[in-house]
N, C-alpha and C. Protein backbone atom coordinates (compact mmCIF):
# COMPACT_ATOMS: atom_id res chain seq x y z
N UNK A 1 0.93 -0.82 0.11
CA UNK A 1 0.06 0.13 -0.03
C UNK A 1 0.83 1.08 -0.01
N UNK A 2 0.33 2.29 -0.74
CA UNK A 2 1.22 3.45 -0.92
C UNK A 2 1.15 4.36 0.43
N UNK A 3 2.25 5.03 0.80
CA UNK A 3 2.02 5.78 1.77
C UNK A 3 1.30 7.10 1.19
N UNK A 4 0.65 8.10 2.18
CA UNK A 4 0.32 9.27 1.77
C UNK A 4 0.34 10.38 3.21
N UNK A 5 1.19 11.16 2.92
CA UNK A 5 1.34 12.45 3.97
C UNK A 5 0.65 13.38 3.79
N UNK A 6 0.18 14.01 4.64
CA UNK A 6 -0.39 15.17 4.67
C UNK A 6 0.57 16.32 5.75
N UNK A 7 0.77 17.49 5.06
CA UNK A 7 1.37 18.28 5.95
C UNK A 7 0.84 19.89 5.71
N UNK A 8 0.73 20.48 6.88
CA UNK A 8 -0.15 21.50 7.40
C UNK A 8 0.35 22.70 6.75
N UNK A 9 0.43 23.76 6.20
CA UNK A 9 0.91 24.89 5.73
C UNK A 9 0.00 26.27 5.82
N UNK A 10 0.61 27.23 6.33
CA UNK A 10 -0.34 28.62 6.38
C UNK A 10 0.56 29.83 5.98
N UNK A 11 1.81 29.48 5.23
CA UNK A 11 2.03 30.48 4.80
C UNK A 11 3.39 31.03 5.69
N UNK A 12 3.42 30.39 6.79
CA UNK A 12 4.84 31.13 7.44
C UNK A 12 5.96 30.05 7.31
N UNK A 13 7.22 30.76 7.78
CA UNK A 13 8.41 30.28 7.54
C UNK A 13 8.80 28.99 8.15
N UNK A 14 8.01 28.88 9.03
CA UNK A 14 7.93 27.32 9.94
C UNK A 14 7.21 26.34 9.28
N UNK A 15 6.21 26.58 8.58
CA UNK A 15 5.46 25.35 7.71
C UNK A 15 5.97 25.30 6.44
N UNK A 16 6.66 26.48 6.10
CA UNK A 16 7.41 26.01 4.42
C UNK A 16 8.43 24.96 5.02
N UNK A 17 9.12 25.22 5.89
CA UNK A 17 10.14 24.14 6.39
C UNK A 17 9.53 22.79 6.40
N UNK A 18 8.51 22.88 6.76
CA UNK A 18 7.60 21.18 7.13
C UNK A 18 7.12 20.63 5.62
N UNK A 19 6.82 21.85 4.71
CA UNK A 19 6.59 21.31 3.32
C UNK A 19 7.87 20.81 2.67
N UNK A 20 8.82 21.44 3.11
CA UNK A 20 10.12 21.19 2.26
C UNK A 20 10.41 19.87 2.98
N UNK A 21 10.46 19.60 4.25
CA UNK A 21 10.67 18.27 4.74
C UNK A 21 9.74 16.85 4.26
N UNK A 22 8.52 17.46 4.08
CA UNK A 22 7.78 16.28 3.69
C UNK A 22 7.96 15.98 2.17
N UNK A 23 8.21 17.16 1.56
CA UNK A 23 8.47 16.80 0.20
C UNK A 23 9.68 15.75 0.12
N UNK A 24 10.79 16.14 1.00
CA UNK A 24 11.92 15.31 0.52
C UNK A 24 11.84 13.89 1.38
N UNK A 25 10.94 13.64 2.48
CA UNK A 25 10.58 12.38 3.06
C UNK A 25 9.53 11.57 1.97
N UNK A 26 8.72 12.04 1.52
CA UNK A 26 7.60 11.36 0.60
C UNK A 26 8.67 10.80 -0.66
N UNK A 27 10.03 11.91 -1.26
CA UNK A 27 10.68 11.09 -2.04
C UNK A 27 11.40 9.77 -1.48
N UNK A 28 11.84 10.16 -0.45
CA UNK A 28 12.91 9.04 0.26
C UNK A 28 11.85 7.65 0.34
N UNK A 29 10.51 7.53 0.64
CA UNK A 29 9.83 6.48 0.74
C UNK A 29 8.65 6.31 -0.11
N UNK A 30 8.51 7.07 -1.16
CA UNK A 30 7.81 7.00 -2.21
C UNK A 30 6.48 7.06 -1.72
N UNK A 31 6.25 8.19 -1.09
CA UNK A 31 4.96 8.45 -0.75
C UNK A 31 4.36 9.47 -1.42
N UNK A 32 3.01 9.57 -1.75
CA UNK A 32 2.23 10.81 -2.37
C UNK A 32 2.26 12.03 -0.82
N UNK A 33 2.05 13.58 -1.04
CA UNK A 33 1.68 14.27 -0.44
C UNK A 33 0.30 15.13 -0.89
N UNK A 34 -0.43 15.26 0.51
CA UNK A 34 -1.09 16.21 0.37
C UNK A 34 -0.84 17.75 1.27
N UNK A 35 -1.02 18.66 0.68
CA UNK A 35 -0.72 19.87 1.55
C UNK A 35 -2.09 20.16 1.77
N UNK A 36 -2.18 20.93 3.39
CA UNK A 36 -3.20 21.27 3.66
C UNK A 36 -3.36 22.78 4.07
N UNK A 37 -3.82 23.77 3.43
CA UNK A 37 -3.18 24.93 3.87
C UNK A 37 -4.36 25.54 4.60
N UNK A 38 -4.03 26.35 5.69
CA UNK A 38 -4.98 26.93 6.47
C UNK A 38 -4.87 28.16 6.85
N UNK A 39 -5.63 29.16 7.11
CA UNK A 39 -5.61 30.53 7.26
C UNK A 39 -5.02 30.61 8.84
N UNK A 40 -4.29 31.44 9.04
CA UNK A 40 -3.40 31.26 10.24
C UNK A 40 -4.25 32.56 10.76
N UNK A 41 -4.46 33.71 10.51
CA UNK A 41 -5.11 34.58 11.22
C UNK A 41 -6.47 34.92 11.02
N UNK A 42 -7.30 34.83 11.98
CA UNK A 42 -8.60 34.66 11.56
C UNK A 42 -9.13 36.30 11.42
N UNK A 43 -8.47 37.32 11.68
CA UNK A 43 -8.77 38.91 11.60
C UNK A 43 -8.39 38.99 9.89
N UNK A 44 -7.58 38.44 9.39
CA UNK A 44 -7.05 38.51 7.67
C UNK A 44 -8.26 38.35 7.14
N UNK A 45 -8.28 38.94 5.84
CA UNK A 45 -9.23 38.46 4.85
C UNK A 45 -9.25 37.00 4.26
N UNK A 46 -10.02 36.14 4.40
CA UNK A 46 -10.14 35.06 4.15
C UNK A 46 -9.75 34.96 2.40
N UNK A 47 -10.49 36.10 1.69
CA UNK A 47 -10.07 35.94 0.18
C UNK A 47 -9.06 36.39 -0.21
N UNK A 48 -8.20 37.37 0.39
CA UNK A 48 -6.91 37.52 0.43
C UNK A 48 -5.73 36.46 0.71
N UNK A 49 -6.36 35.93 1.75
CA UNK A 49 -5.48 34.72 2.17
C UNK A 49 -5.59 33.58 1.49
N UNK A 50 -6.56 33.20 1.18
CA UNK A 50 -6.99 32.16 0.07
C UNK A 50 -6.52 32.18 -1.66
N UNK A 51 -6.20 33.47 -1.80
CA UNK A 51 -5.64 33.76 -3.27
C UNK A 51 -4.08 33.26 -2.99
N UNK A 52 -3.45 34.17 -1.94
CA UNK A 52 -2.21 34.02 -1.61
C UNK A 52 -1.80 32.36 -1.52
N UNK A 53 -2.42 31.56 -0.43
CA UNK A 53 -2.13 30.19 -0.41
C UNK A 53 -2.45 29.38 -1.55
N UNK A 54 -3.25 29.71 -2.20
CA UNK A 54 -3.29 28.74 -3.33
C UNK A 54 -2.37 29.14 -4.62
N UNK A 55 -1.71 30.19 -4.63
CA UNK A 55 -0.59 30.50 -5.36
C UNK A 55 0.70 29.71 -4.67
N UNK A 56 0.90 29.60 -3.23
CA UNK A 56 1.65 28.65 -2.86
C UNK A 56 1.41 27.29 -2.96
N UNK A 57 0.30 26.64 -2.76
CA UNK A 57 -0.07 25.31 -3.21
C UNK A 57 0.33 24.92 -4.59
N UNK A 58 -0.22 25.96 -5.63
CA UNK A 58 0.32 25.40 -6.82
C UNK A 58 1.84 25.24 -7.05
N UNK A 59 2.71 26.08 -6.53
CA UNK A 59 4.08 26.28 -6.54
C UNK A 59 4.40 24.82 -6.17
N UNK A 60 4.05 24.48 -4.88
CA UNK A 60 4.33 23.14 -4.55
C UNK A 60 4.18 22.01 -5.20
N UNK A 61 3.00 22.11 -5.89
CA UNK A 61 2.40 20.85 -6.83
C UNK A 61 3.46 20.64 -8.14
N UNK A 62 3.78 22.03 -8.44
CA UNK A 62 4.44 22.22 -9.50
C UNK A 62 5.97 21.67 -9.20
N UNK A 63 6.58 21.92 -7.69
CA UNK A 63 7.94 21.53 -7.35
C UNK A 63 7.91 19.66 -7.37
N UNK A 64 6.85 19.42 -6.75
CA UNK A 64 6.49 18.07 -6.72
C UNK A 64 6.68 17.41 -7.86
N UNK A 65 5.85 17.94 -9.20
CA UNK A 65 6.13 17.13 -10.35
C UNK A 65 7.58 17.29 -10.61
N UNK A 66 8.16 18.25 -10.63
CA UNK A 66 9.96 18.41 -10.94
C UNK A 66 10.63 17.53 -10.28
N UNK A 67 10.06 16.98 -8.69
CA UNK A 67 11.05 16.13 -8.22
C UNK A 67 10.43 14.99 -8.25
N UNK A 68 9.37 14.62 -9.27
CA UNK A 68 8.93 13.38 -9.15
C UNK A 68 7.86 12.73 -8.20
N UNK A 69 7.51 13.36 -7.63
CA UNK A 69 6.48 12.76 -6.33
C UNK A 69 5.14 13.61 -6.63
N UNK A 70 3.98 13.02 -6.48
CA UNK A 70 2.61 13.35 -6.32
C UNK A 70 2.29 14.52 -5.26
N UNK A 71 2.12 15.55 -5.66
CA UNK A 71 1.48 16.57 -4.63
C UNK A 71 -0.06 17.21 -5.05
N UNK A 72 -0.95 16.76 -3.93
CA UNK A 72 -2.11 17.48 -4.19
C UNK A 72 -2.41 18.33 -3.16
N UNK A 73 -3.38 19.18 -3.15
CA UNK A 73 -3.24 20.19 -1.97
C UNK A 73 -4.84 20.57 -1.70
N UNK A 74 -5.16 21.38 -0.89
CA UNK A 74 -6.54 21.80 -0.49
C UNK A 74 -6.26 22.86 0.19
N UNK A 75 -7.29 23.69 0.51
CA UNK A 75 -7.28 25.06 1.63
C UNK A 75 -8.49 24.97 2.32
N UNK A 76 -8.41 25.13 3.82
CA UNK A 76 -9.43 24.97 4.70
C UNK A 76 -9.49 26.63 5.33
N UNK A 77 -10.56 27.19 5.40
CA UNK A 77 -10.62 28.71 5.56
C UNK A 77 -10.54 28.43 7.47
N UNK A 78 -11.50 27.66 7.92
CA UNK A 78 -11.61 27.43 9.51
C UNK A 78 -11.46 26.23 9.79
N UNK A 79 -10.17 25.62 9.86
CA UNK A 79 -9.96 24.24 10.42
C UNK A 79 -10.45 24.03 11.96
N UNK A 80 -11.02 22.78 12.06
CA UNK A 80 -11.43 22.31 13.43
C UNK A 80 -10.77 20.71 13.37
N UNK A 81 -10.89 20.31 14.27
CA UNK A 81 -10.41 19.05 15.01
C UNK A 81 -11.06 18.12 13.86
N UNK A 82 -12.42 18.02 14.01
CA UNK A 82 -13.28 17.14 13.38
C UNK A 82 -13.00 17.33 11.50
N UNK A 83 -12.76 18.59 11.20
CA UNK A 83 -12.51 18.75 10.06
C UNK A 83 -11.38 18.03 9.60
N UNK A 84 -10.50 18.27 10.39
CA UNK A 84 -8.84 17.62 10.15
C UNK A 84 -9.11 16.08 9.96
N UNK A 85 -9.72 15.32 10.96
CA UNK A 85 -10.06 13.82 11.10
C UNK A 85 -10.79 13.58 9.55
N UNK A 86 -11.52 14.30 9.20
CA UNK A 86 -12.22 13.97 7.91
C UNK A 86 -11.42 14.17 6.75
N UNK A 87 -10.50 15.13 6.79
CA UNK A 87 -9.25 15.18 5.87
C UNK A 87 -8.42 14.02 5.71
N UNK A 88 -8.03 13.57 6.88
CA UNK A 88 -7.45 12.39 7.11
C UNK A 88 -7.93 11.25 6.41
N UNK A 89 -9.26 10.93 6.90
CA UNK A 89 -9.90 9.75 6.38
C UNK A 89 -10.31 9.82 4.90
N UNK A 90 -10.57 10.70 4.58
CA UNK A 90 -11.10 11.33 3.09
C UNK A 90 -10.04 10.63 1.90
N UNK A 91 -8.78 11.29 2.30
CA UNK A 91 -7.54 11.27 1.71
C UNK A 91 -6.51 10.26 1.92
N UNK A 92 -6.66 9.13 3.06
CA UNK A 92 -6.15 7.97 3.19
C UNK A 92 -4.49 8.32 3.65
N UNK A 93 -4.96 9.17 4.63
CA UNK A 93 -3.35 9.93 5.02
C UNK A 93 -2.85 8.84 6.01
N UNK A 94 -1.81 8.60 6.00
CA UNK A 94 -1.10 7.84 6.99
C UNK A 94 -0.06 8.33 7.87
N UNK A 95 0.54 9.56 7.69
CA UNK A 95 1.19 10.20 8.52
C UNK A 95 0.99 11.82 8.43
N UNK A 96 1.31 12.53 9.30
CA UNK A 96 0.89 13.99 9.20
C UNK A 96 2.16 14.44 9.78
N UNK A 97 2.75 15.70 8.87
CA UNK A 97 3.86 16.29 9.23
C UNK A 97 3.30 17.87 9.56
N UNK A 98 3.89 18.16 10.60
CA UNK A 98 3.56 19.69 10.95
C UNK A 98 4.59 20.43 11.57
N UNK A 99 4.55 21.52 11.36
CA UNK A 99 6.05 22.43 12.11
C UNK A 99 5.43 23.11 13.41
N UNK A 100 6.46 22.74 14.56
CA UNK A 100 6.23 23.48 15.53
C UNK A 100 6.28 25.03 15.33
N UNK A 101 5.23 26.05 15.93
CA UNK A 101 5.69 27.29 15.64
C UNK A 101 6.77 27.75 16.37
N UNK A 102 7.42 28.42 15.74
CA UNK A 102 8.79 29.49 16.05
C UNK A 102 8.17 30.60 17.24
N UNK A 103 9.16 30.85 17.85
CA UNK A 103 9.07 31.49 18.91
C UNK A 103 8.23 32.74 18.75
N UNK A 104 8.40 33.67 17.40
CA UNK A 104 8.09 34.71 17.41
C UNK A 104 6.71 34.57 16.53
N UNK A 105 6.50 33.34 16.18
CA UNK A 105 5.23 32.99 15.45
C UNK A 105 4.03 32.70 16.32
N UNK A 106 3.31 33.99 16.08
CA UNK A 106 1.98 34.08 16.96
C UNK A 106 0.71 33.45 16.15
N UNK A 107 0.88 32.42 15.29
CA UNK A 107 -0.18 32.02 14.64
C UNK A 107 -0.94 31.08 15.53
N UNK A 108 -2.10 31.80 15.66
CA UNK A 108 -3.08 30.85 16.60
C UNK A 108 -3.49 29.47 15.92
N UNK A 109 -3.58 29.60 14.55
CA UNK A 109 -4.20 28.53 13.97
C UNK A 109 -3.09 27.02 13.80
N UNK A 110 -1.73 27.49 13.50
CA UNK A 110 -1.03 26.51 13.73
C UNK A 110 -0.77 26.21 15.13
N UNK A 111 -1.10 26.90 16.25
CA UNK A 111 -0.73 26.30 17.42
C UNK A 111 -1.91 25.30 17.66
N UNK A 112 -3.27 25.77 17.04
CA UNK A 112 -4.38 24.82 17.42
C UNK A 112 -4.26 23.56 16.75
N UNK A 113 -3.59 23.87 15.26
CA UNK A 113 -3.53 22.62 14.86
C UNK A 113 -2.57 21.46 15.18
N UNK A 114 -1.38 22.05 16.06
CA UNK A 114 -0.57 21.15 16.54
C UNK A 114 -1.00 20.64 17.38
N UNK A 115 -1.90 21.29 18.58
CA UNK A 115 -2.23 20.65 19.58
C UNK A 115 -3.48 19.83 19.26
N UNK A 116 -4.35 19.95 18.20
CA UNK A 116 -5.38 19.20 17.95
C UNK A 116 -4.88 17.77 17.12
N UNK A 117 -3.61 18.06 16.52
CA UNK A 117 -2.95 16.93 15.82
C UNK A 117 -2.44 15.97 16.60
N UNK A 118 -2.05 16.79 18.03
CA UNK A 118 -0.93 15.89 19.12
C UNK A 118 -2.01 15.12 19.87
N UNK A 119 -3.52 15.27 19.98
CA UNK A 119 -4.05 14.99 21.10
C UNK A 119 -5.09 14.05 20.02
N UNK A 120 -4.82 12.49 20.09
CA UNK A 120 -5.34 11.48 19.81
C UNK A 120 -5.49 11.42 18.40
N UNK A 121 -4.26 11.82 17.86
CA UNK A 121 -4.38 11.89 16.25
C UNK A 121 -4.25 10.37 15.67
N UNK A 122 -4.90 9.73 14.97
CA UNK A 122 -5.27 8.24 14.52
C UNK A 122 -4.11 7.93 13.59
N UNK A 123 -3.00 9.12 13.09
CA UNK A 123 -1.80 8.32 12.61
C UNK A 123 -0.71 8.91 12.95
N UNK A 124 0.26 8.70 12.81
CA UNK A 124 1.99 8.99 13.51
C UNK A 124 1.78 10.84 13.00
N UNK A 125 2.27 11.44 13.87
CA UNK A 125 2.66 12.96 13.61
C UNK A 125 4.39 13.10 13.89
N UNK A 126 4.56 13.95 12.88
CA UNK A 126 6.02 14.04 12.72
C UNK A 126 6.19 15.66 12.93
N UNK A 127 6.96 16.16 14.07
CA UNK A 127 6.89 17.33 14.34
C UNK A 127 8.09 17.98 14.08
N UNK A 128 8.07 19.15 13.19
CA UNK A 128 9.39 19.53 12.42
C UNK A 128 9.71 21.04 13.05
N UNK A 129 11.18 20.92 13.73
CA UNK A 129 11.63 22.41 14.16
C UNK A 129 11.45 22.29 15.60
């Protein structure tokens, strides 16, 4: 059975590093990658953030093609633990890669995702950073 990794991305430097790590890891073990973009600042315009993250997701998918690995992606505007569980099941995810927020990173969404995924996640979680 082929492996499928999920990596959480919010546009921050720490989550960009997590995507890079997940891309390399997926190549090493011949896994496909699913990048889940989330809006990290609830006060930010969902439309502006969605456009920016969509451009980033497209770039990650193109990079995956150049590297020889399959990369799919999606954007969740308001992630919840239940939605993340549904994504894991719907996409056959068997490992999650997530960035530990950096000291100067005040991203409440990233911190929430780290906490939610660390609490009873049905698949292994690799924390980068």
